[in-house]
PDB file of N, CA and C in Angstrom:
ATOM      1  N   MET A   1     -77.281 -70.448 -28.516  1.00  0.00           N
ATOM      2  CA  MET A   1     -75.938 -70.809 -28.913  1.00  0.00           C
ATOM      3  C   MET A   1     -75.055 -70.927 -27.672  1.00  0.00           C
ATOM      4  N   LYS A   2     -74.294 -71.979 -27.585  1.00  0.00           N
ATOM      5  CA  LYS A   2     -73.432 -72.198 -26.432  1.00  0.00           C
ATOM      6  C   LYS A   2     -72.164 -71.361 -26.553  1.00  0.00           C
ATOM      7  N   ASN A   3     -71.811 -70.737 -25.430  1.00  0.00           N
ATOM      8  CA  ASN A   3     -70.580 -69.967 -25.358  1.00  0.00           C
ATOM      9  C   ASN A   3     -69.519 -70.805 -24.656  1.00  0.00           C
ATOM     10  N   ALA A   4     -68.292 -70.758 -25.136  1.00  0.00           N
ATOM     11  CA  ALA A   4     -67.182 -71.430 -24.471  1.00  0.00           C
ATOM     12  C   ALA A   4     -66.485 -70.412 -23.579  1.00  0.00           C
ATOM     13  N   VAL A   5     -66.443 -70.712 -22.287  1.00  0.00           N
ATOM     14  CA  VAL A   5     -65.854 -69.796 -21.315  1.00  0.00           C
ATOM     15  C   VAL A   5     -64.777 -70.550 -20.540  1.00  0.00           C
ATOM     16  N   ARG A   6     -63.623 -69.935 -20.402  1.00  0.00           N
ATOM     17  CA  ARG A   6     -62.533 -70.557 -19.643  1.00  0.00           C
ATOM     18  C   ARG A   6     -62.617 -70.126 -18.185  1.00  0.00           C
ATOM     19  N   LEU A   7     -62.560 -71.128 -17.316  1.00  0.00           N
ATOM     20  CA  LEU A   7     -62.585 -70.882 -15.869  1.00  0.00           C
ATOM     21  C   LEU A   7     -61.411 -71.582 -15.223  1.00  0.00           C
ATOM     22  N   GLU A   8     -60.955 -71.018 -14.120  1.00  0.00           N
ATOM     23  CA  GLU A   8     -59.952 -71.705 -13.326  1.00  0.00           C
ATOM     24  C   GLU A   8     -60.586 -72.056 -11.984  1.00  0.00           C
ATOM     25  N   ILE A   9     -60.628 -73.358 -11.694  1.00  0.00           N
ATOM     26  CA  ILE A   9     -61.180 -73.865 -10.449  1.00  0.00           C
ATOM     27  C   ILE A   9     -60.125 -74.763  -9.813  1.00  0.00           C
ATOM     28  N   LEU A  10     -59.809 -74.512  -8.565  1.00  0.00           N
ATOM     29  CA  LEU A  10     -58.791 -75.291  -7.856  1.00  0.00           C
ATOM     30  C   LEU A  10     -57.462 -75.318  -8.615  1.00  0.00           C
ATOM     31  N   GLY A  11     -57.137 -74.212  -9.271  1.00  0.00           N
ATOM     32  CA  GLY A  11     -55.878 -74.118  -9.978  1.00  0.00           C
ATOM     33  C   GLY A  11     -55.847 -74.818 -11.325  1.00  0.00           C
ATOM     34  N   ARG A  12     -56.948 -75.400 -11.732  1.00  0.00           N
ATOM     35  CA  ARG A  12     -57.025 -76.070 -13.032  1.00  0.00           C
ATOM     36  C   ARG A  12     -57.931 -75.280 -13.956  1.00  0.00           C
ATOM     37  N   GLU A  13     -57.554 -75.247 -15.223  1.00  0.00           N
ATOM     38  CA  GLU A  13     -58.363 -74.510 -16.190  1.00  0.00           C
ATOM     39  C   GLU A  13     -59.384 -75.429 -16.834  1.00  0.00           C
ATOM     40  N   TYR A  14     -60.608 -74.913 -16.952  1.00  0.00           N
ATOM     41  CA  TYR A  14     -61.708 -75.646 -17.576  1.00  0.00           C
ATOM     42  C   TYR A  14     -62.332 -74.761 -18.641  1.00  0.00           C
ATOM     43  N   THR A  15     -62.766 -75.393 -19.710  1.00  0.00           N
ATOM     44  CA  THR A  15     -63.555 -74.689 -20.715  1.00  0.00           C
ATOM     45  C   THR A  15     -64.990 -75.154 -20.541  1.00  0.00           C
ATOM     46  N   ILE A  16     -65.857 -74.219 -20.195  1.00  0.00           N
ATOM     47  CA  ILE A  16     -67.259 -74.508 -19.916  1.00  0.00           C
ATOM     48  C   ILE A  16     -68.082 -74.036 -21.110  1.00  0.00           C
ATOM     49  N   LYS A  17     -68.940 -74.899 -21.611  1.00  0.00           N
ATOM     50  CA  LYS A  17     -69.872 -74.497 -22.661  1.00  0.00           C
ATOM     51  C   LYS A  17     -71.218 -74.250 -22.010  1.00  0.00           C
ATOM     52  N   SER A  18     -71.757 -73.055 -22.239  1.00  0.00           N
ATOM     53  CA  SER A  18     -72.981 -72.653 -21.556  1.00  0.00           C
ATOM     54  C   SER A  18     -73.810 -71.738 -22.437  1.00  0.00           C
ATOM     55  N   ASP A  19     -75.117 -71.782 -22.209  1.00  0.00           N
ATOM     56  CA  ASP A  19     -76.017 -70.831 -22.869  1.00  0.00           C
ATOM     57  C   ASP A  19     -75.947 -69.467 -22.195  1.00  0.00           C
ATOM     58  N   GLU A  20     -75.398 -69.429 -20.999  1.00  0.00           N
ATOM     59  CA  GLU A  20     -75.270 -68.176 -20.259  1.00  0.00           C
ATOM     60  C   GLU A  20     -74.138 -67.342 -20.851  1.00  0.00           C
ATOM     61  N   GLY A  21     -74.179 -66.049 -20.565  1.00  0.00           N
ATOM     62  CA  GLY A  21     -73.120 -65.161 -21.020  1.00  0.00           C
ATOM     63  C   GLY A  21     -71.828 -65.393 -20.250  1.00  0.00           C
ATOM     64  N   GLU A  22     -70.735 -64.946 -20.832  1.00  0.00           N
ATOM     65  CA  GLU A  22     -69.420 -65.148 -20.212  1.00  0.00           C
ATOM     66  C   GLU A  22     -69.348 -64.529 -18.815  1.00  0.00           C
ATOM     67  N   GLU A  23     -69.905 -63.337 -18.657  1.00  0.00           N
ATOM     68  CA  GLU A  23     -69.837 -62.654 -17.363  1.00  0.00           C
ATOM     69  C   GLU A  23     -70.511 -63.486 -16.271  1.00  0.00           C
ATOM     70  N   ARG A  24     -71.665 -64.065 -16.577  1.00  0.00           N
ATOM     71  CA  ARG A  24     -72.374 -64.878 -15.579  1.00  0.00           C
ATOM     72  C   ARG A  24     -71.584 -66.141 -15.238  1.00  0.00           C
ATOM     73  N   VAL A  25     -71.033 -66.787 -16.249  1.00  0.00           N
ATOM     74  CA  VAL A  25     -70.247 -67.998 -16.004  1.00  0.00           C
ATOM     75  C   VAL A  25     -69.020 -67.655 -15.160  1.00  0.00           C
ATOM     76  N   GLN A  26     -68.385 -66.533 -15.440  1.00  0.00           N
ATOM     77  CA  GLN A  26     -67.234 -66.100 -14.644  1.00  0.00           C
ATOM     78  C   GLN A  26     -67.635 -65.848 -13.188  1.00  0.00           C
ATOM     79  N   LYS A  27     -68.796 -65.206 -12.985  1.00  0.00           N
ATOM     80  CA  LYS A  27     -69.276 -64.956 -11.625  1.00  0.00           C
ATOM     81  C   LYS A  27     -69.515 -66.264 -10.878  1.00  0.00           C
ATOM     82  N   ILE A  28     -70.072 -67.251 -11.579  1.00  0.00           N
ATOM     83  CA  ILE A  28     -70.306 -68.555 -10.964  1.00  0.00           C
ATOM     84  C   ILE A  28     -68.970 -69.192 -10.585  1.00  0.00           C
ATOM     85  N   GLY A  29     -68.009 -69.114 -11.484  1.00  0.00           N
ATOM     86  CA  GLY A  29     -66.677 -69.649 -11.188  1.00  0.00           C
ATOM     87  C   GLY A  29     -66.035 -68.966  -9.997  1.00  0.00           C
ATOM     88  N   GLU A  30     -66.178 -67.654  -9.916  1.00  0.00           N
ATOM     89  CA  GLU A  30     -65.638 -66.905  -8.777  1.00  0.00           C
ATOM     90  C   GLU A  30     -66.312 -67.331  -7.477  1.00  0.00           C
ATOM     91  N   TYR A  31     -67.611 -67.552  -7.542  1.00  0.00           N
ATOM     92  CA  TYR A  31     -68.362 -67.994  -6.358  1.00  0.00           C
ATOM     93  C   TYR A  31     -67.862 -69.362  -5.894  1.00  0.00           C
ATOM     94  N   VAL A  32     -67.690 -70.279  -6.834  1.00  0.00           N
ATOM     95  CA  VAL A  32     -67.191 -71.617  -6.507  1.00  0.00           C
ATOM     96  C   VAL A  32     -65.792 -71.514  -5.899  1.00  0.00           C
ATOM     97  N   ASN A  33     -64.932 -70.727  -6.512  1.00  0.00           N
ATOM     98  CA  ASN A  33     -63.576 -70.563  -5.976  1.00  0.00           C
ATOM     99  C   ASN A  33     -63.582 -69.957  -4.577  1.00  0.00           C
ATOM    100  N   ARG A  34     -64.486 -69.001  -4.344  1.00  0.00           N
ATOM    101  CA  ARG A  34     -64.590 -68.370  -3.026  1.00  0.00           C
ATOM    102  C   ARG A  34     -64.988 -69.406  -1.977  1.00  0.00           C
ATOM    103  N   LYS A  35     -65.963 -70.260  -2.318  1.00  0.00           N
ATOM    104  CA  LYS A  35     -66.402 -71.304  -1.386  1.00  0.00           C
ATOM    105  C   LYS A  35     -65.269 -72.297  -1.106  1.00  0.00           C
ATOM    106  N   ILE A  36     -64.543 -72.666  -2.165  1.00  0.00           N
ATOM    107  CA  ILE A  36     -63.418 -73.590  -1.992  1.00  0.00           C
ATOM    108  C   ILE A  36     -62.356 -72.963  -1.093  1.00  0.00           C
ATOM    109  N   LYS A  37     -62.075 -71.684  -1.310  1.00  0.00           N
ATOM    110  CA  LYS A  37     -61.067 -70.987  -0.497  1.00  0.00           C
ATOM    111  C   LYS A  37     -61.489 -70.926   0.966  1.00  0.00           C
ATOM    112  N   GLU A  38     -62.779 -70.652   1.215  1.00  0.00           N
ATOM    113  CA  GLU A  38     -63.278 -70.622   2.601  1.00  0.00           C
ATOM    114  C   GLU A  38     -63.020 -71.948   3.304  1.00  0.00           C
ATOM    115  N   ILE A  39     -63.316 -73.042   2.622  1.00  0.00           N
ATOM    116  CA  ILE A  39     -63.129 -74.370   3.206  1.00  0.00           C
ATOM    117  C   ILE A  39     -61.651 -74.665   3.394  1.00  0.00           C
ATOM    118  N   SER A  40     -60.854 -74.423   2.370  1.00  0.00           N
ATOM    119  CA  SER A  40     -59.435 -74.781   2.452  1.00  0.00           C
ATOM    120  C   SER A  40     -58.703 -73.946   3.499  1.00  0.00           C
ATOM    121  N   GLU A  41     -59.108 -72.693   3.711  1.00  0.00           N
ATOM    122  CA  GLU A  41     -58.459 -71.862   4.728  1.00  0.00           C
ATOM    123  C   GLU A  41     -58.845 -72.268   6.142  1.00  0.00           C
ATOM    124  N   SER A  42     -60.043 -72.815   6.299  1.00  0.00           N
ATOM    125  CA  SER A  42     -60.479 -73.202   7.641  1.00  0.00           C
ATOM    126  C   SER A  42     -60.065 -74.630   7.999  1.00  0.00           C
ATOM    127  N   SER A  43     -59.660 -75.426   7.010  1.00  0.00           N
ATOM    128  CA  SER A  43     -59.296 -76.827   7.248  1.00  0.00           C
ATOM    129  C   SER A  43     -58.081 -77.185   6.409  1.00  0.00           C
ATOM    130  N   LYS A  44     -56.916 -76.821   6.867  1.00  0.00           N
ATOM    131  CA  LYS A  44     -55.685 -77.004   6.087  1.00  0.00           C
ATOM    132  C   LYS A  44     -55.340 -78.467   5.821  1.00  0.00           C
ATOM    133  N   ALA A  45     -55.761 -79.375   6.682  1.00  0.00           N
ATOM    134  CA  ALA A  45     -55.269 -80.751   6.598  1.00  0.00           C
ATOM    135  C   ALA A  45     -56.168 -81.699   5.798  1.00  0.00           C
ATOM    136  N   ILE A  46     -57.087 -81.164   4.989  1.00  0.00           N
ATOM    137  CA  ILE A  46     -57.951 -82.085   4.250  1.00  0.00           C
ATOM    138  C   ILE A  46     -57.592 -82.084   2.769  1.00  0.00           C
ATOM    139  N   SER A  47     -57.941 -83.166   2.107  1.00  0.00           N
ATOM    140  CA  SER A  47     -57.595 -83.331   0.694  1.00  0.00           C
ATOM    141  C   SER A  47     -58.406 -82.389  -0.187  1.00  0.00           C
ATOM    142  N   ILE A  48     -57.908 -82.205  -1.393  1.00  0.00           N
ATOM    143  CA  ILE A  48     -58.605 -81.364  -2.370  1.00  0.00           C
ATOM    144  C   ILE A  48     -59.998 -81.929  -2.649  1.00  0.00           C
ATOM    145  N   LEU A  49     -60.105 -83.252  -2.723  1.00  0.00           N
ATOM    146  CA  LEU A  49     -61.410 -83.869  -2.963  1.00  0.00           C
ATOM    147  C   LEU A  49     -62.378 -83.515  -1.845  1.00  0.00           C
ATOM    148  N   ASN A  50     -61.927 -83.607  -0.603  1.00  0.00           N
ATOM    149  CA  ASN A  50     -62.804 -83.259   0.524  1.00  0.00           C
ATOM    150  C   ASN A  50     -63.145 -81.778   0.535  1.00  0.00           C
ATOM    151  N   VAL A  51     -62.205 -80.942   0.143  1.00  0.00           N
ATOM    152  CA  VAL A  51     -62.477 -79.499   0.028  1.00  0.00           C
ATOM    153  C   VAL A  51     -63.576 -79.276  -0.999  1.00  0.00           C
ATOM    154  N   ALA A  52     -63.461 -79.937  -2.148  1.00  0.00           N
ATOM    155  CA  ALA A  52     -64.466 -79.782  -3.205  1.00  0.00           C
ATOM    156  C   ALA A  52     -65.827 -80.281  -2.742  1.00  0.00           C
ATOM    157  N   ILE A  53     -65.855 -81.408  -2.035  1.00  0.00           N
ATOM    158  CA  ILE A  53     -67.127 -81.952  -1.552  1.00  0.00           C
ATOM    159  C   ILE A  53     -67.752 -81.020  -0.521  1.00  0.00           C
ATOM    160  N   LEU A  54     -66.958 -80.521   0.416  1.00  0.00           N
ATOM    161  CA  LEU A  54     -67.492 -79.598   1.424  1.00  0.00           C
ATOM    162  C   LEU A  54     -67.962 -78.294   0.791  1.00  0.00           C
ATOM    163  N   ALA A  55     -67.220 -77.798  -0.198  1.00  0.00           N
ATOM    164  CA  ALA A  55     -67.647 -76.579  -0.896  1.00  0.00           C
ATOM    165  C   ALA A  55     -68.962 -76.829  -1.620  1.00  0.00           C
ATOM    166  N   THR A  56     -69.094 -78.001  -2.229  1.00  0.00           N
ATOM    167  CA  THR A  56     -70.342 -78.354  -2.912  1.00  0.00           C
ATOM    168  C   THR A  56     -71.504 -78.391  -1.931  1.00  0.00           C
ATOM    169  N   LEU A  57     -71.276 -78.963  -0.762  1.00  0.00           N
ATOM    170  CA  LEU A  57     -72.334 -78.998   0.258  1.00  0.00           C
ATOM    171  C   LEU A  57     -72.701 -77.595   0.716  1.00  0.00           C
ATOM    172  N   ASN A  58     -71.719 -76.729   0.877  1.00  0.00           N
ATOM    173  CA  ASN A  58     -72.002 -75.340   1.270  1.00  0.00           C
ATOM    174  C   ASN A  58     -72.792 -74.610   0.182  1.00  0.00           C
ATOM    175  N   ILE A  59     -72.430 -74.832  -1.072  1.00  0.00           N
ATOM    176  CA  ILE A  59     -73.152 -74.207  -2.182  1.00  0.00           C
ATOM    177  C   ILE A  59     -74.588 -74.721  -2.227  1.00  0.00           C
ATOM    178  N   ALA A  60     -74.761 -76.031  -2.037  1.00  0.00           N
ATOM    179  CA  ALA A  60     -76.115 -76.605  -2.016  1.00  0.00           C
ATOM    180  C   ALA A  60     -76.923 -76.024  -0.867  1.00  0.00           C
ATOM    181  N   ASN A  61     -76.292 -75.827   0.287  1.00  0.00           N
ATOM    182  CA  ASN A  61     -76.977 -75.225   1.428  1.00  0.00           C
ATOM    183  C   ASN A  61     -77.416 -73.802   1.093  1.00  0.00           C
ATOM    184  N   ASP A  62     -76.547 -73.027   0.466  1.00  0.00           N
ATOM    185  CA  ASP A  62     -76.905 -71.666   0.044  1.00  0.00           C
ATOM    186  C   ASP A  62     -78.106 -71.702  -0.901  1.00  0.00           C
ATOM    187  N   TYR A  63     -78.078 -72.644  -1.831  1.00  0.00           N
ATOM    188  CA  TYR A  63     -79.161 -72.792  -2.800  1.00  0.00           C
ATOM    189  C   TYR A  63     -80.488 -73.085  -2.105  1.00  0.00           C
ATOM    190  N   PHE A  64     -80.479 -74.038  -1.172  1.00  0.00           N
ATOM    191  CA  PHE A  64     -81.719 -74.389  -0.484  1.00  0.00           C
ATOM    192  C   PHE A  64     -82.204 -73.265   0.423  1.00  0.00           C
ATOM    193  N   ASP A  65     -81.277 -72.509   1.031  1.00  0.00           N
ATOM    194  CA  ASP A  65     -81.685 -71.329   1.805  1.00  0.00           C
ATOM    195  C   ASP A  65     -82.430 -70.339   0.912  1.00  0.00           C
ATOM    196  N   LEU A  66     -81.896 -70.099  -0.281  1.00  0.00           N
ATOM    197  CA  LEU A  66     -82.543 -69.171  -1.211  1.00  0.00           C
ATOM    198  C   LEU A  66     -83.891 -69.691  -1.689  1.00  0.00           C
ATOM    199  N   LEU A  67     -83.987 -71.008  -1.923  1.00  0.00           N
ATOM    200  CA  LEU A  67     -85.273 -71.585  -2.308  1.00  0.00           C
ATOM    201  C   LEU A  67     -86.324 -71.379  -1.223  1.00  0.00           C
ATOM    202  N   GLU A  68     -85.919 -71.603   0.032  1.00  0.00           N
ATOM    203  CA  GLU A  68     -86.854 -71.403   1.146  1.00  0.00           C
ATOM    204  C   GLU A  68     -87.301 -69.950   1.226  1.00  0.00           C
ATOM    205  N   LYS A  69     -86.365 -69.024   1.073  1.00  0.00           N
ATOM    206  CA  LYS A  69     -86.719 -67.600   1.096  1.00  0.00           C
ATOM    207  C   LYS A  69     -87.654 -67.254  -0.051  1.00  0.00           C
ATOM    208  N   GLN A  70     -87.365 -67.791  -1.227  1.00  0.00           N
ATOM    209  CA  GLN A  70     -88.221 -67.533  -2.388  1.00  0.00           C
ATOM    210  C   GLN A  70     -89.624 -68.087  -2.146  1.00  0.00           C
ATOM    211  N   ASN A  71     -89.716 -69.282  -1.594  1.00  0.00           N
ATOM    212  CA  ASN A  71     -91.028 -69.879  -1.311  1.00  0.00           C
ATOM    213  C   ASN A  71     -91.807 -69.039  -0.302  1.00  0.00           C
ATOM    214  N   LYS A  72     -91.126 -68.537   0.728  1.00  0.00           N
ATOM    215  CA  LYS A  72     -91.798 -67.681   1.715  1.00  0.00           C
ATOM    216  C   LYS A  72     -92.310 -66.403   1.059  1.00  0.00           C
ATOM    217  N   LEU A  73     -91.473 -65.796   0.216  1.00  0.00           N
ATOM    218  CA  LEU A  73     -91.891 -64.569  -0.466  1.00  0.00           C
ATOM    219  C   LEU A  73     -93.050 -64.844  -1.417  1.00  0.00           C
ATOM    220  N   THR A  74     -92.993 -65.953  -2.124  1.00  0.00           N
ATOM    221  CA  THR A  74     -94.083 -66.313  -3.039  1.00  0.00           C
ATOM    222  C   THR A  74     -95.380 -66.486  -2.270  1.00  0.00           C
ATOM    223  N   ARG A  75     -95.324 -67.194  -1.131  1.00  0.00           N
ATOM    224  CA  ARG A  75     -96.542 -67.375  -0.323  1.00  0.00           C
ATOM    225  C   ARG A  75     -97.064 -66.041   0.195  1.00  0.00           C
ATOM    226  N   ALA A  76     -96.174 -65.147   0.613  1.00  0.00           N
ATOM    227  CA  ALA A  76     -96.591 -63.834   1.105  1.00  0.00           C
ATOM    228  C   ALA A  76     -97.264 -63.032  -0.006  1.00  0.00           C
ATOM    229  N   VAL A  77     -96.680 -63.062  -1.201  1.00  0.00           N
ATOM    230  CA  VAL A  77     -97.276 -62.345  -2.336  1.00  0.00           C
ATOM    231  C   VAL A  77     -98.633 -62.947  -2.689  1.00  0.00           C
ATOM    232  N   GLU A  78     -98.730 -64.266  -2.698  1.00  0.00           N
ATOM    233  CA  GLU A  78    -100.001 -64.919  -3.003  1.00  0.00           C
ATOM    234  C   GLU A  78    -101.061 -64.567  -1.960  1.00  0.00           C
ATOM    235  N   ASP A  79    -100.683 -64.555  -0.679  1.00  0.00           N
ATOM    236  CA  ASP A  79    -101.629 -64.186   0.382  1.00  0.00           C
ATOM    237  C   ASP A  79    -102.116 -62.753   0.198  1.00  0.00           C
ATOM    238  N   LYS A  80    -101.182 -61.842  -0.023  1.00  0.00           N
ATOM    239  CA  LYS A  80    -101.559 -60.431  -0.191  1.00  0.00           C
ATOM    240  C   LYS A  80    -102.394 -60.226  -1.451  1.00  0.00           C
ATOM    241  N   SER A  81    -102.029 -60.935  -2.510  1.00  0.00           N
ATOM    242  CA  SER A  81    -102.801 -60.830  -3.753  1.00  0.00           C
ATOM    243  C   SER A  81    -104.220 -61.339  -3.539  1.00  0.00           C
ATOM    244  N   GLY A  82    -104.342 -62.441  -2.817  1.00  0.00           N
ATOM    245  CA  GLY A  82    -105.669 -62.987  -2.527  1.00  0.00           C
ATOM    246  C   GLY A  82    -106.518 -62.002  -1.738  1.00  0.00           C
ATOM    247  N   ARG A  83    -105.889 -61.367  -0.746  1.00  0.00           N
ATOM    248  CA  ARG A  83    -106.632 -60.378   0.043  1.00  0.00           C
ATOM    249  C   ARG A  83    -107.041 -59.182  -0.807  1.00  0.00           C
ATOM    250  N   LEU A  84    -106.147 -58.734  -1.694  1.00  0.00           N
ATOM    251  CA  LEU A  84    -106.489 -57.612  -2.571  1.00  0.00           C
ATOM    252  C   LEU A  84    -107.633 -57.976  -3.515  1.00  0.00           C
ATOM    253  N   ILE A  85    -107.611 -59.191  -4.026  1.00  0.00           N
ATOM    254  CA  ILE A  85    -108.700 -59.637  -4.900  1.00  0.00           C
ATOM    255  C   ILE A  85    -110.020 -59.639  -4.141  1.00  0.00           C
ATOM    256  N   GLU A  86    -109.997 -60.095  -2.893  1.00  0.00           N
ATOM    257  CA  GLU A  86    -111.215 -60.084  -2.077  1.00  0.00           C
ATOM    258  C   GLU A  86    -111.718 -58.663  -1.863  1.00  0.00           C
ATOM    259  N   ILE A  87    -110.811 -57.736  -1.586  1.00  0.00           N
ATOM    260  CA  ILE A  87    -111.194 -56.336  -1.379  1.00  0.00           C
ATOM    261  C   ILE A  87    -111.804 -55.766  -2.655  1.00  0.00           C
ATOM    262  N   ILE A  88    -111.183 -56.057  -3.790  1.00  0.00           N
ATOM    263  CA  ILE A  88    -111.692 -55.563  -5.076  1.00  0.00           C
ATOM    264  C   ILE A  88    -113.075 -56.138  -5.355  1.00  0.00           C
ATOM    265  N   HIS A  89    -113.234 -57.446  -5.158  1.00  0.00           N
ATOM    266  CA  HIS A  89    -114.551 -58.075  -5.386  1.00  0.00           C
ATOM    267  C   HIS A  89    -115.608 -57.487  -4.457  1.00  0.00           C
ATOM    268  N   SER A  90    -115.223 -57.246  -3.223  1.00  0.00           N
ATOM    269  CA  SER A  90    -116.154 -56.655  -2.268  1.00  0.00           C
ATOM    270  C   SER A  90    -116.562 -55.244  -2.701  1.00  0.00           C
ATOM    271  N   ALA A  91    -115.597 -54.466  -3.160  1.00  0.00           N
ATOM    272  CA  ALA A  91    -115.885 -53.099  -3.610  1.00  0.00           C
ATOM    273  C   ALA A  91    -116.791 -53.119  -4.850  1.00  0.00           C
ATOM    274  N   ILE A  92    -116.521 -54.038  -5.750  1.00  0.00           N
ATOM    275  CA  ILE A  92    -117.334 -54.130  -6.960  1.00  0.00           C
ATOM    276  C   ILE A  92    -118.766 -54.549  -6.584  1.00  0.00           C
ATOM    277  N   LYS A  93    -118.898 -55.472  -5.675  1.00  0.00           N
ATOM    278  CA  LYS A  93    -120.222 -55.939  -5.265  1.00  0.00           C
ATOM    279  C   LYS A  93    -121.008 -54.801  -4.601  1.00  0.00           C
ATOM    280  N   LYS A  94    -120.314 -54.008  -3.769  1.00  0.00           N
ATOM    281  CA  LYS A  94    -120.998 -52.871  -3.120  1.00  0.00           C
ATOM    282  C   LYS A  94    -121.486 -51.866  -4.155  1.00  0.00           C
ATOM    283  N   LYS A  95    -120.671 -51.643  -5.195  1.00  0.00           N
ATOM    284  CA  LYS A  95    -121.076 -50.697  -6.247  1.00  0.00           C
ATOM    285  C   LYS A  95    -122.288 -51.219  -7.011  1.00  0.00           C
ATOM    286  N   GLU A  96    -122.335 -52.520  -7.217  1.00  0.00           N
ATOM    287  CA  GLU A  96    -123.448 -53.112  -7.960  1.00  0.00           C
ATOM    288  C   GLU A  96    -124.737 -53.084  -7.167  1.00  0.00           C
ATOM    289  N   ASP A  97    -124.639 -53.128  -5.860  1.00  0.00           N
ATOM    290  CA  ASP A  97    -125.848 -53.143  -5.005  1.00  0.00           C
ATOM    291  C   ASP A  97    -126.420 -51.793  -4.867  1.00  0.00           C
TER     292      ASP A  97
END
């Protein structure tokens, strides 16, 4: 069931319909506002549209950084799991012999 959650982004109110809970949607809105504020405070002379675009690029960069970290962790877990499986198979084979 979709929840209707009110958010304020760039001083405008939006009603977001989401399957996520209100608390999560609010956290996402706060994150977006924080990114927008970071950009607008560091670059006073740019338009709201450019602030939104730069904030979007920063959010996308954060997302891809997390994806890369997740992929590295997944590969590390897969490597370690593979080694553990080899150790287990080796131990089982020794017991059978």
